[in-house]
N, C-alpha and C. Protein backbone atom coordinates (compact mmCIF):
# COMPACT_ATOMS: atom_id res chain seq x y z
N UNK A 1 86.83 70.87 113.92
CA UNK A 1 85.42 71.47 113.83
C UNK A 1 85.08 71.90 115.29
N UNK A 2 84.62 73.23 115.40
CA UNK A 2 84.17 73.66 116.52
C UNK A 2 82.55 73.39 116.83
N UNK A 3 81.89 73.87 117.66
CA UNK A 3 80.55 73.74 117.82
C UNK A 3 79.77 74.41 116.86
N UNK A 4 80.23 75.36 116.11
CA UNK A 4 79.52 76.04 115.14
C UNK A 4 80.31 76.20 113.79
N UNK A 5 80.86 74.92 113.40
CA UNK A 5 81.56 75.04 111.99
C UNK A 5 83.22 75.08 112.27
N UNK A 6 83.83 75.15 111.08
CA UNK A 6 85.31 74.99 111.28
C UNK A 6 85.99 76.25 112.07
N UNK A 7 87.03 76.14 112.71
CA UNK A 7 87.60 77.02 113.43
C UNK A 7 88.28 78.07 112.49
N UNK A 8 88.30 79.54 112.62
CA UNK A 8 88.87 80.27 111.57
C UNK A 8 90.43 80.09 111.54
N UNK A 9 90.98 80.27 110.24
CA UNK A 9 92.24 80.05 109.94
C UNK A 9 93.19 81.21 110.65
N UNK A 10 92.57 82.31 110.72
CA UNK A 10 93.22 83.45 111.08
C UNK A 10 92.51 84.21 112.27
N UNK A 11 93.32 84.57 113.28
CA UNK A 11 92.53 85.28 114.36
C UNK A 11 92.96 86.77 114.21
N UNK A 12 92.36 87.49 115.13
CA UNK A 12 92.35 88.88 114.88
C UNK A 12 93.75 89.55 115.09
N UNK A 13 94.61 88.93 115.91
CA UNK A 13 95.97 89.45 116.03
C UNK A 13 96.81 89.10 114.78
N UNK A 14 96.63 88.04 114.03
CA UNK A 14 97.38 87.78 112.81
C UNK A 14 96.83 88.51 111.87
N UNK A 15 95.57 88.86 111.71
CA UNK A 15 95.07 89.74 110.51
C UNK A 15 95.57 91.15 110.95
N UNK A 16 95.55 91.70 112.08
CA UNK A 16 95.94 93.08 112.40
C UNK A 16 97.48 93.12 112.04
N UNK A 17 98.29 92.17 112.46
CA UNK A 17 99.61 92.34 112.22
C UNK A 17 100.01 92.02 110.80
N UNK A 18 99.12 91.64 109.86
CA UNK A 18 99.32 91.57 108.48
C UNK A 18 98.75 92.71 107.87
N UNK A 19 97.57 93.23 108.33
CA UNK A 19 96.99 94.37 107.63
C UNK A 19 97.82 95.54 107.82
N UNK A 20 98.21 95.71 108.97
CA UNK A 20 98.91 97.10 109.31
C UNK A 20 100.31 97.37 108.31
N UNK A 21 101.14 96.34 108.15
CA UNK A 21 102.09 96.58 107.22
C UNK A 21 101.74 96.85 105.64
N UNK A 22 100.55 96.22 105.37
CA UNK A 22 99.94 96.49 104.11
C UNK A 22 99.67 98.06 103.86
N UNK A 23 98.92 98.35 104.90
CA UNK A 23 98.47 99.74 105.10
C UNK A 23 99.87 100.84 104.87
N UNK A 24 100.73 100.44 105.68
CA UNK A 24 101.86 101.23 105.79
C UNK A 24 102.54 101.31 104.35
N UNK A 25 102.62 100.08 103.65
CA UNK A 25 103.06 100.06 102.24
C UNK A 25 102.33 100.77 101.26
N UNK A 26 100.90 101.01 101.35
CA UNK A 26 100.07 101.73 100.61
C UNK A 26 100.51 103.25 100.76
N UNK A 27 100.83 103.52 101.90
CA UNK A 27 101.24 104.98 102.23
C UNK A 27 102.78 105.16 101.76
N UNK A 28 103.43 104.24 101.90
CA UNK A 28 104.92 104.32 101.55
C UNK A 28 104.98 104.45 99.86
N UNK A 29 104.13 103.85 99.23
CA UNK A 29 103.95 103.89 97.75
C UNK A 29 103.48 105.24 97.29
N UNK A 30 102.42 105.82 98.06
CA UNK A 30 101.83 106.96 97.80
C UNK A 30 102.82 108.17 97.97
N UNK A 31 103.44 108.13 99.00
CA UNK A 31 104.11 109.37 99.49
C UNK A 31 105.82 109.10 99.24
N UNK A 32 106.14 107.99 99.27
CA UNK A 32 107.66 107.65 99.11
C UNK A 32 108.33 107.53 100.65
N UNK A 33 109.49 106.89 100.78
CA UNK A 33 109.93 106.99 102.01
C UNK A 33 111.36 106.21 102.01
N UNK A 34 112.17 106.28 103.12
CA UNK A 34 113.33 105.65 103.11
C UNK A 34 113.28 104.37 103.99
N UNK A 35 113.58 103.29 103.50
CA UNK A 35 113.46 102.11 104.25
C UNK A 35 114.99 101.37 104.12
N UNK A 36 115.12 100.48 105.29
CA UNK A 36 116.31 99.68 105.28
C UNK A 36 116.18 98.40 104.45
N UNK A 37 117.12 98.04 103.85
CA UNK A 37 117.25 96.93 102.88
C UNK A 37 118.39 96.03 103.23
N UNK A 38 118.27 94.80 103.60
CA UNK A 38 119.24 93.91 103.96
C UNK A 38 120.29 93.64 102.93
N UNK A 39 121.66 93.76 103.46
CA UNK A 39 122.64 93.92 102.62
C UNK A 39 123.30 92.29 102.64
N UNK A 40 123.50 92.03 103.91
CA UNK A 40 124.03 90.63 104.18
C UNK A 40 123.75 90.24 105.60
N UNK A 41 123.80 88.92 105.88
CA UNK A 41 123.63 88.41 107.28
C UNK A 41 124.69 87.58 107.53
N UNK A 42 125.43 87.63 108.83
CA UNK A 42 126.36 86.75 109.26
C UNK A 42 125.75 86.30 110.66
N UNK A 43 125.51 85.05 110.58
CA UNK A 43 125.26 84.46 111.96
C UNK A 43 123.78 85.10 112.37
N UNK A 44 123.77 85.76 113.83
CA UNK A 44 122.65 86.53 114.35
C UNK A 44 122.62 88.13 113.98
N UNK A 45 123.70 88.43 113.12
CA UNK A 45 123.77 89.85 112.89
C UNK A 45 123.34 90.10 111.36
N UNK A 46 122.60 91.13 111.24
CA UNK A 46 121.99 91.52 109.88
C UNK A 46 122.48 92.88 109.73
N UNK A 47 123.20 93.08 108.57
CA UNK A 47 123.59 94.34 107.95
C UNK A 47 122.69 94.98 107.02
N UNK A 48 122.22 96.17 107.20
CA UNK A 48 121.36 96.78 106.25
C UNK A 48 121.74 98.30 105.99
N UNK A 49 121.14 98.84 104.86
CA UNK A 49 121.53 100.13 104.52
C UNK A 49 120.33 100.73 104.06
N UNK A 50 120.12 102.04 104.07
CA UNK A 50 118.91 102.71 103.79
C UNK A 50 118.71 102.83 102.28
N UNK A 51 117.37 102.63 101.84
CA UNK A 51 117.04 102.87 100.31
C UNK A 51 116.03 103.66 100.26
N UNK A 52 116.24 104.73 99.32
CA UNK A 52 115.10 105.74 99.01
C UNK A 52 114.09 105.02 98.10
N UNK A 53 112.92 105.00 98.47
CA UNK A 53 111.75 104.54 97.79
C UNK A 53 110.99 105.66 97.24
N UNK A 54 111.17 105.89 96.08
CA UNK A 54 110.32 107.15 95.43
C UNK A 54 108.89 106.78 95.49
N UNK A 55 108.14 107.92 95.57
CA UNK A 55 106.77 107.75 95.51
C UNK A 55 106.14 107.46 94.15
N UNK A 56 105.17 106.55 94.21
CA UNK A 56 104.56 106.24 92.81
C UNK A 56 103.06 106.40 93.05
N UNK A 57 102.66 107.65 93.12
CA UNK A 57 101.21 107.94 93.22
C UNK A 57 100.46 107.33 92.00
N UNK A 58 101.01 107.42 90.94
CA UNK A 58 100.21 106.90 89.73
C UNK A 58 99.98 105.48 89.89
N UNK A 59 100.90 104.63 90.48
CA UNK A 59 100.59 103.33 90.68
C UNK A 59 99.44 103.00 91.71
N UNK A 60 99.44 103.91 92.68
CA UNK A 60 98.40 103.84 93.78
C UNK A 60 97.09 104.03 93.07
N UNK A 61 96.91 105.17 92.30
CA UNK A 61 95.65 105.49 91.55
C UNK A 61 95.35 104.61 90.56
N UNK A 62 96.22 103.89 89.92
CA UNK A 62 95.98 102.82 88.92
C UNK A 62 95.29 101.71 89.65
N UNK A 63 95.86 101.30 90.76
CA UNK A 63 95.42 100.19 91.53
C UNK A 63 93.96 100.57 92.18
N UNK A 64 93.74 101.78 92.41
CA UNK A 64 92.44 102.08 93.08
C UNK A 64 91.38 102.11 91.82
N UNK A 65 91.82 102.35 90.62
CA UNK A 65 90.97 102.45 89.49
C UNK A 65 90.97 101.09 88.82
N UNK A 66 91.77 100.26 88.89
CA UNK A 66 91.81 99.01 88.17
C UNK A 66 90.42 98.21 88.39
N UNK A 67 90.13 97.54 87.23
CA UNK A 67 88.78 96.73 87.08
C UNK A 67 88.92 95.47 86.89
N UNK A 68 90.02 94.86 86.45
CA UNK A 68 90.17 93.42 86.06
C UNK A 68 91.57 93.02 86.70
N UNK A 69 91.74 91.63 86.89
CA UNK A 69 92.83 91.03 87.33
C UNK A 69 94.01 91.33 86.50
N UNK A 70 93.70 91.25 85.24
CA UNK A 70 94.93 91.52 84.16
C UNK A 70 95.55 92.97 84.34
N UNK A 71 94.71 94.00 84.71
CA UNK A 71 95.23 95.21 84.94
C UNK A 71 96.02 95.24 86.26
N UNK A 72 95.77 94.67 87.19
CA UNK A 72 96.38 94.56 88.38
C UNK A 72 97.70 93.84 88.25
N UNK A 73 97.82 92.85 87.64
CA UNK A 73 99.08 92.19 87.27
C UNK A 73 99.96 93.08 86.37
N UNK A 74 99.53 93.80 85.42
CA UNK A 74 100.13 94.75 84.67
C UNK A 74 100.63 95.83 85.44
N UNK A 75 99.89 96.45 86.43
CA UNK A 75 100.48 97.44 87.31
C UNK A 75 101.53 96.89 88.17
N UNK A 76 101.42 95.68 88.84
CA UNK A 76 102.36 95.16 89.54
C UNK A 76 103.67 95.01 88.72
N UNK A 77 103.72 94.43 87.56
CA UNK A 77 104.69 94.23 86.77
C UNK A 77 105.51 95.50 86.43
N UNK A 78 104.78 96.59 86.09
CA UNK A 78 105.47 97.90 85.78
C UNK A 78 105.67 98.72 87.15
N UNK A 79 105.66 98.28 88.16
CA UNK A 79 105.88 99.08 89.41
C UNK A 79 107.45 98.85 89.91
N UNK A 80 108.13 100.05 89.84
CA UNK A 80 109.51 99.94 90.22
C UNK A 80 109.51 99.83 91.85
N UNK A 81 108.53 100.30 92.41
CA UNK A 81 108.36 100.31 93.91
C UNK A 81 108.23 98.98 94.54
N UNK A 82 107.41 98.17 93.79
CA UNK A 82 107.08 96.78 94.22
C UNK A 82 108.27 95.93 93.89
N UNK A 83 108.96 96.26 92.88
CA UNK A 83 110.13 95.57 92.45
C UNK A 83 111.25 95.58 93.46
N UNK A 84 111.25 96.72 93.96
CA UNK A 84 112.42 97.33 95.10
C UNK A 84 112.10 96.55 96.40
N UNK A 85 110.71 96.19 96.58
CA UNK A 85 110.36 95.68 98.09
C UNK A 85 109.85 94.31 97.93
N UNK A 86 110.55 93.37 97.64
CA UNK A 86 110.19 91.94 97.45
C UNK A 86 109.39 91.30 98.76
N UNK A 87 109.78 91.89 99.91
CA UNK A 87 109.23 91.53 101.15
C UNK A 87 107.89 92.18 101.43
N UNK A 88 107.42 93.06 100.78
CA UNK A 88 106.15 93.79 100.90
C UNK A 88 104.96 92.73 100.53
N UNK A 89 103.91 93.01 101.43
CA UNK A 89 102.71 92.10 101.13
C UNK A 89 102.18 92.48 99.93
N UNK A 90 102.32 93.63 99.31
CA UNK A 90 101.68 94.04 98.08
C UNK A 90 102.27 93.14 96.95
N UNK A 91 103.35 92.66 96.99
CA UNK A 91 103.80 91.64 95.96
C UNK A 91 102.97 90.52 95.72
N UNK A 92 101.90 90.11 96.83
CA UNK A 92 101.10 89.11 96.67
C UNK A 92 99.86 89.52 95.73
N UNK A 93 99.70 90.87 95.31
CA UNK A 93 98.70 91.30 94.58
C UNK A 93 98.16 90.36 93.23
N UNK A 94 99.06 90.11 92.51
CA UNK A 94 98.66 89.17 91.37
C UNK A 94 97.94 87.92 91.90
N UNK A 95 98.38 87.24 93.07
CA UNK A 95 97.75 86.00 93.41
C UNK A 95 96.52 86.42 94.01
N UNK A 96 96.13 87.54 94.67
CA UNK A 96 94.91 87.77 95.31
C UNK A 96 94.09 88.98 94.73
N UNK A 97 94.49 89.05 93.37
CA UNK A 97 93.82 90.20 92.57
C UNK A 97 92.28 89.91 92.70
N UNK A 98 91.88 88.77 92.57
CA UNK A 98 90.32 88.71 92.52
C UNK A 98 89.71 89.15 93.90
N UNK A 99 90.24 88.95 95.06
CA UNK A 99 89.73 89.24 96.26
C UNK A 99 90.01 90.84 96.24
N UNK A 100 91.05 91.37 95.84
CA UNK A 100 91.27 92.76 95.87
C UNK A 100 90.04 93.52 95.13
N UNK A 101 89.80 93.00 93.92
CA UNK A 101 88.65 93.66 93.12
C UNK A 101 87.36 93.47 93.86
N UNK A 102 87.04 92.25 94.53
CA UNK A 102 86.03 91.94 95.29
C UNK A 102 85.88 92.97 96.48
N UNK A 103 86.91 93.19 97.14
CA UNK A 103 87.02 94.21 98.19
C UNK A 103 86.49 95.77 97.69
N UNK A 104 86.95 96.06 96.53
CA UNK A 104 86.62 97.42 96.08
C UNK A 104 85.04 97.47 95.64
N UNK A 105 84.48 96.25 95.47
CA UNK A 105 83.14 96.27 94.97
C UNK A 105 82.09 96.25 96.24
N UNK A 106 82.86 96.09 97.40
CA UNK A 106 82.02 95.96 98.62
C UNK A 106 81.20 97.15 98.93
N UNK A 107 80.07 96.91 99.20
CA UNK A 107 79.01 98.11 99.54
C UNK A 107 79.79 99.23 100.75
N UNK A 108 80.57 98.54 101.47
CA UNK A 108 81.05 99.47 102.59
C UNK A 108 82.60 100.04 102.12
N UNK A 109 83.09 99.72 101.04
CA UNK A 109 84.35 100.31 100.44
C UNK A 109 84.01 101.85 100.38
N UNK A 110 84.93 102.81 100.86
CA UNK A 110 84.78 104.27 100.91
C UNK A 110 84.69 104.65 99.26
N UNK A 111 83.71 105.40 98.93
CA UNK A 111 83.48 105.59 97.42
C UNK A 111 83.72 107.08 97.32
N UNK A 112 83.70 108.00 98.25
CA UNK A 112 84.14 109.28 98.32
C UNK A 112 85.60 109.57 97.63
N UNK A 113 85.55 110.60 96.83
CA UNK A 113 86.95 110.96 96.26
C UNK A 113 87.68 112.05 97.08
N UNK A 114 87.11 112.44 98.22
CA UNK A 114 87.76 113.46 99.23
C UNK A 114 89.13 112.89 99.59
N UNK A 115 89.93 113.77 99.92
CA UNK A 115 91.37 113.37 100.36
C UNK A 115 91.26 112.75 101.51
N UNK A 116 90.35 112.98 102.56
CA UNK A 116 90.16 112.20 103.76
C UNK A 116 89.59 110.88 103.63
N UNK A 117 89.29 110.50 102.37
CA UNK A 117 88.80 109.12 102.29
C UNK A 117 90.07 108.25 101.75
N UNK A 118 90.98 108.74 101.54
CA UNK A 118 92.17 108.05 101.01
C UNK A 118 92.73 106.99 102.01
N UNK A 119 92.89 107.64 103.30
CA UNK A 119 93.31 106.88 104.43
C UNK A 119 92.32 105.66 104.69
N UNK A 120 91.20 106.01 104.61
CA UNK A 120 89.97 104.88 104.96
C UNK A 120 90.09 103.82 103.65
N UNK A 121 90.38 104.26 102.56
CA UNK A 121 90.49 103.26 101.39
C UNK A 121 91.62 102.36 101.63
N UNK A 122 92.71 102.93 101.93
CA UNK A 122 93.91 102.03 102.19
C UNK A 122 93.67 101.06 103.35
N UNK A 123 93.02 101.68 104.46
CA UNK A 123 92.75 100.74 105.50
C UNK A 123 91.76 99.62 105.28
N UNK A 124 90.71 100.00 104.46
CA UNK A 124 89.74 98.80 104.12
C UNK A 124 90.47 97.79 103.27
N UNK A 125 91.22 98.34 102.20
CA UNK A 125 91.83 97.31 101.29
C UNK A 125 93.01 96.59 101.95
N UNK A 126 93.69 97.13 103.06
CA UNK A 126 94.73 96.33 103.87
C UNK A 126 94.03 95.18 104.62
N UNK A 127 93.05 95.55 105.21
CA UNK A 127 92.13 94.59 106.07
C UNK A 127 91.75 93.45 105.20
N UNK A 128 91.24 93.86 104.00
CA UNK A 128 90.64 92.80 102.96
C UNK A 128 91.78 91.99 102.45
N UNK A 129 93.08 92.53 101.97
CA UNK A 129 94.11 91.84 101.53
C UNK A 129 94.81 90.95 102.55
N UNK A 130 94.71 91.28 103.79
CA UNK A 130 95.14 90.46 105.05
C UNK A 130 94.35 89.29 105.06
N UNK A 131 93.10 89.38 104.97
CA UNK A 131 92.27 88.23 104.89
C UNK A 131 92.61 87.49 103.84
N UNK A 132 92.54 87.93 102.66
CA UNK A 132 92.84 87.17 101.40
C UNK A 132 94.15 86.32 101.46
N UNK A 133 95.16 86.87 102.10
CA UNK A 133 96.31 86.01 102.28
C UNK A 133 96.10 84.81 102.97
N UNK A 134 95.23 84.85 103.80
CA UNK A 134 94.79 83.56 104.87
C UNK A 134 93.52 82.96 104.44
N UNK A 135 93.10 83.10 103.25
CA UNK A 135 92.10 82.52 102.67
C UNK A 135 90.51 82.99 103.15
N UNK A 136 90.44 84.14 103.80
CA UNK A 136 89.09 84.62 104.28
C UNK A 136 88.56 85.58 103.20
N UNK A 137 87.39 85.78 103.13
CA UNK A 137 86.73 86.68 102.20
C UNK A 137 86.94 88.19 102.71
N UNK A 138 87.04 88.97 101.85
CA UNK A 138 87.30 90.43 102.36
C UNK A 138 86.29 90.78 103.63
N UNK A 139 85.09 90.62 103.40
CA UNK A 139 84.08 91.02 104.41
C UNK A 139 84.37 90.37 105.76
N UNK A 140 84.72 89.13 105.66
CA UNK A 140 85.09 88.27 106.86
C UNK A 140 86.28 88.91 107.65
N UNK A 141 87.40 89.17 106.80
CA UNK A 141 88.54 89.82 107.37
C UNK A 141 88.23 91.25 108.11
N UNK A 142 87.52 91.99 107.33
CA UNK A 142 87.12 93.23 107.96
C UNK A 142 86.44 93.27 109.08
N UNK A 143 85.44 92.27 109.15
CA UNK A 143 84.53 92.08 110.43
C UNK A 143 85.50 91.61 111.58
N UNK A 144 86.36 90.71 111.37
CA UNK A 144 87.21 90.17 112.41
C UNK A 144 88.18 91.28 113.04
N UNK A 145 88.70 91.95 112.18
CA UNK A 145 89.53 93.28 112.67
C UNK A 145 88.74 94.43 113.31
N UNK A 146 87.69 94.72 112.71
CA UNK A 146 86.65 95.52 113.29
C UNK A 146 86.97 96.90 112.95
N UNK A 147 86.17 98.01 113.46
CA UNK A 147 86.33 99.35 113.04
C UNK A 147 87.50 99.91 113.74
N UNK A 148 87.81 101.05 113.46
CA UNK A 148 88.79 101.79 114.05
C UNK A 148 90.04 102.44 113.27
N UNK A 149 90.74 103.23 113.85
CA UNK A 149 91.97 103.84 113.09
C UNK A 149 93.16 102.83 113.23
N UNK A 150 93.83 102.51 112.24
CA UNK A 150 94.78 101.52 112.17
C UNK A 150 95.97 101.60 113.25
N UNK A 151 96.43 102.88 113.35
CA UNK A 151 97.45 103.02 114.42
C UNK A 151 96.97 102.60 115.77
N UNK A 152 95.68 102.96 116.08
CA UNK A 152 95.11 102.70 117.47
C UNK A 152 94.92 101.29 117.53
N UNK A 153 94.43 100.65 116.59
CA UNK A 153 94.17 99.23 116.69
C UNK A 153 95.39 98.35 116.97
N UNK A 154 96.53 98.76 116.20
CA UNK A 154 97.77 98.19 116.24
C UNK A 154 98.40 98.47 117.75
N UNK A 155 98.36 99.84 118.06
CA UNK A 155 98.81 100.01 119.39
C UNK A 155 98.17 99.18 120.48
N UNK A 156 96.79 99.10 120.52
CA UNK A 156 96.17 98.33 121.43
C UNK A 156 96.49 96.92 121.52
N UNK A 157 96.81 96.46 120.32
CA UNK A 157 97.29 95.19 120.24
C UNK A 157 98.62 94.74 120.85
N UNK A 158 99.42 95.81 120.66
CA UNK A 158 101.01 95.78 121.23
C UNK A 158 100.80 95.79 122.68
N UNK A 159 99.77 96.65 123.29
CA UNK A 159 100.06 96.89 124.68
C UNK A 159 99.40 95.81 125.47
N UNK A 160 98.60 94.87 124.82
CA UNK A 160 98.10 93.80 125.58
C UNK A 160 99.01 92.72 125.90
């Protein structure tokens, strides 16, 4: 315990380095991409090959429109993209579905349906999910990471 309560379980660096891959996964699911998958490891050497991950915009839309934990679990179960990416943070969705829904109900969640808001929605949800993984409320995680564009925040973190 510190002078003003318990020490936070996750600092800004940990949250940003968790939120940025989640944000990238949202975009990869929306647009599709080619990613390396580990084939085998021998000692310190890792062999990988590229795998095409087709876009699943319907899955992303379904996640953004989901209203219950049961719907989120069904979306996760039916997603071929998530099945092909077991290392993705988005595979945690069934475990943190409640926090995901809570983040979407936050008054600061971008409610506009414009195309420019998609990026903001992904970044908002990525920050909230990063906090949920470490036991923080969505609002607390978003406040710790702070405002800004995801790439700029991540680059500033790496430069330090």
